[in-house]
Protein backbone atom coordinates (compact mmCIF):
# COMPACT_ATOMS: atom_id res chain seq x y z
CA MET A 1 0.00 0.00 0.00
CA LYS A 2 1.60 3.24 -1.18
CA VAL A 3 -0.20 6.14 0.47
CA ILE A 4 2.26 8.90 -0.41
CA LYS A 5 1.33 8.85 -4.09
CA HIS A 6 -2.28 9.63 -3.07
CA LEU A 7 -1.41 12.90 -1.29
CA ARG A 8 -2.67 16.15 -2.74
CA GLY A 9 -0.34 18.84 -4.04
CA LEU A 10 -1.59 21.73 -1.93
CA PRO A 11 0.34 21.88 1.37
CA LEU A 12 -2.81 22.19 3.50
CA GLU A 13 -4.50 19.26 1.79
CA ARG A 14 -1.27 17.26 2.09
CA ALA A 15 -1.06 17.88 5.85
CA LEU A 16 -4.72 17.02 6.38
CA GLY A 17 -4.34 13.89 4.26
CA ILE A 18 -1.44 12.69 6.38
CA LEU A 19 -3.30 13.28 9.64
CA SER A 20 -6.67 11.98 8.46
CA GLY A 21 -7.82 8.78 10.02
CA ARG A 22 -9.45 8.02 13.34
CA TRP A 23 -6.30 6.94 15.17
CA LYS A 24 -3.28 8.73 13.66
CA ALA A 25 -3.31 11.75 15.96
CA VAL A 26 -3.94 9.50 18.96
CA LEU A 27 -1.00 7.29 17.99
CA LEU A 28 1.25 10.34 17.62
CA ASP A 29 0.11 11.51 21.06
CA VAL A 30 0.95 8.17 22.66
CA LEU A 31 4.28 7.85 20.84
CA ALA A 32 5.20 11.35 22.07
CA THR A 33 5.66 9.73 25.50
CA GLY A 34 8.38 7.44 24.10
CA PRO A 35 8.88 4.27 22.06
CA GLN A 36 6.08 1.72 22.31
CA ARG A 37 5.71 -1.90 21.29
CA THR A 38 2.67 -2.90 19.25
CA ASN A 39 1.03 -4.81 22.11
CA ASP A 40 1.59 -1.84 24.45
CA LEU A 41 -0.14 0.47 21.96
CA GLU A 42 -3.06 -1.95 21.76
CA LYS A 43 -3.39 -1.94 25.55
CA ARG A 44 -3.13 1.85 25.88
CA ILE A 45 -5.63 2.83 23.18
CA ALA A 46 -9.19 1.73 23.87
CA GLY A 47 -11.19 0.56 20.87
CA LEU A 48 -8.26 0.20 18.46
CA SER A 49 -8.05 -3.20 16.75
CA GLN A 50 -4.70 -4.76 15.92
CA LYS A 51 -5.48 -4.67 12.19
CA VAL A 52 -6.25 -0.94 12.19
CA LEU A 53 -3.29 -0.25 14.50
CA ILE A 54 -0.88 -1.88 12.05
CA GLU A 55 -2.46 -0.08 9.07
CA GLN A 56 -2.21 3.31 10.79
CA LEU A 57 1.37 2.70 11.96
CA ARG A 58 2.41 1.66 8.45
CA ALA A 59 0.87 4.82 6.97
CA LEU A 60 2.62 7.00 9.58
CA GLU A 61 5.87 5.16 8.86
CA GLU A 62 5.49 5.67 5.11
CA HIS A 63 4.94 9.39 5.69
CA GLY A 64 8.16 9.52 7.71
CA LEU A 65 6.49 10.37 11.03
CA VAL A 66 7.12 7.06 12.79
CA GLU A 67 10.09 4.70 12.78
CA ARG A 68 9.90 0.97 13.36
CA ARG A 69 12.93 -0.61 15.02
CA PRO A 70 13.78 -4.05 16.43
CA VAL A 71 13.78 -4.55 20.19
CA ALA A 72 17.14 -5.88 21.37
CA SER A 73 15.64 -8.07 24.09
CA SER A 74 13.27 -9.87 21.71
CA PRO A 75 14.34 -11.26 18.33
CA GLN A 76 10.86 -10.83 16.82
CA GLY A 77 9.82 -7.75 18.79
CA VAL A 78 9.61 -4.27 17.32
CA GLU A 79 8.84 -0.89 18.75
CA TYR A 80 7.61 2.31 17.19
CA LEU A 81 8.90 5.78 17.91
CA LEU A 82 8.46 9.27 16.51
CA THR A 83 10.98 10.53 13.99
CA PRO A 84 12.13 14.16 14.15
CA LEU A 85 9.54 14.88 11.44
CA GLY A 86 6.86 13.27 13.64
CA GLU A 87 8.00 15.26 16.65
CA SER A 88 7.70 18.45 14.59
CA LEU A 89 3.93 17.77 14.39
CA LEU A 90 3.38 17.81 18.16
CA PRO A 91 2.94 21.61 18.49
CA LEU A 92 0.47 21.52 15.60
CA LEU A 93 -1.51 18.74 17.30
CA GLN A 94 -1.57 20.75 20.54
CA SER A 95 -2.96 23.72 18.62
CA LEU A 96 -5.58 21.53 16.94
CA MET A 97 -6.67 20.16 20.32
CA ALA A 98 -6.99 23.70 21.70
CA TRP A 99 -8.95 24.79 18.64
CA GLY A 100 -11.24 21.77 18.92
CA THR A 101 -12.03 22.78 22.51
CA HIS A 102 -12.57 26.39 21.42
CA HIS A 103 -14.90 25.29 18.63
CA ALA A 104 -16.95 23.11 20.99
CA THR A 105 -17.26 26.07 23.37
CA GLU A 106 -18.33 28.45 20.61
CA VAL A 107 -21.04 26.15 19.28
CA GLY A 108 -22.25 25.06 22.73
CA GLU A 109 -21.06 21.47 22.56
CA THR A 110 -18.54 21.24 25.38
CA HIS A 111 -20.71 18.51 26.89
CA ARG A 112 -19.72 16.30 23.93
CA LEU A 113 -15.96 16.59 24.56
CA LEU A 114 -14.16 13.56 25.98
CA PRO A 115 -11.09 13.63 28.19
CA CYS A 116 -8.01 12.00 26.65
CA GLU A 117 -8.27 9.28 29.29
CA ALA A 118 -11.51 8.11 27.65
CA VAL A 119 -9.42 6.71 24.79
CA VAL A 120 -5.79 6.64 25.94
CA ARG A 121 -4.84 4.84 29.13
CA GLY A 122 -2.00 6.51 30.96
CA ARG A 123 -0.26 9.81 30.38
CA SER A 124 -1.30 12.03 27.47
CA ALA A 125 1.71 14.00 26.22
CA LEU A 126 -0.26 16.48 24.13
CA ALA A 127 -2.76 17.28 26.86
CA GLY A 128 0.06 17.52 29.39
CA LYS A 129 -1.86 15.44 31.89
CA PRO A 130 -0.11 13.04 34.26
CA ASP A 131 -1.19 9.39 34.71
């Protein structure tokens, strides 16, 4: 699956295309806390199937945001971590989260907002909330 060839030419459309998908921003948020193994990501993110997890990680890897590397202690184990390009997205994701909250406030839908802990178990790097 080559996703890069499907990206639009306009920079804004390109950025939105890379981030589109239910779990990509959540995965970037979790990986901002440090390298994670696949099974750890599955445990931390509620409602994310292994199939979709692998698909989303592969797309992020193809876009250069995530790196996959072997785990020294396990011959078949791998872990995922943010690349410098992936880390450069974190301030943008923080801004998008703040804007999402602002939008919900402006249209009277703050009651529909969920805390990060509703989806991600443990610390949320982007929200700056401890465990």
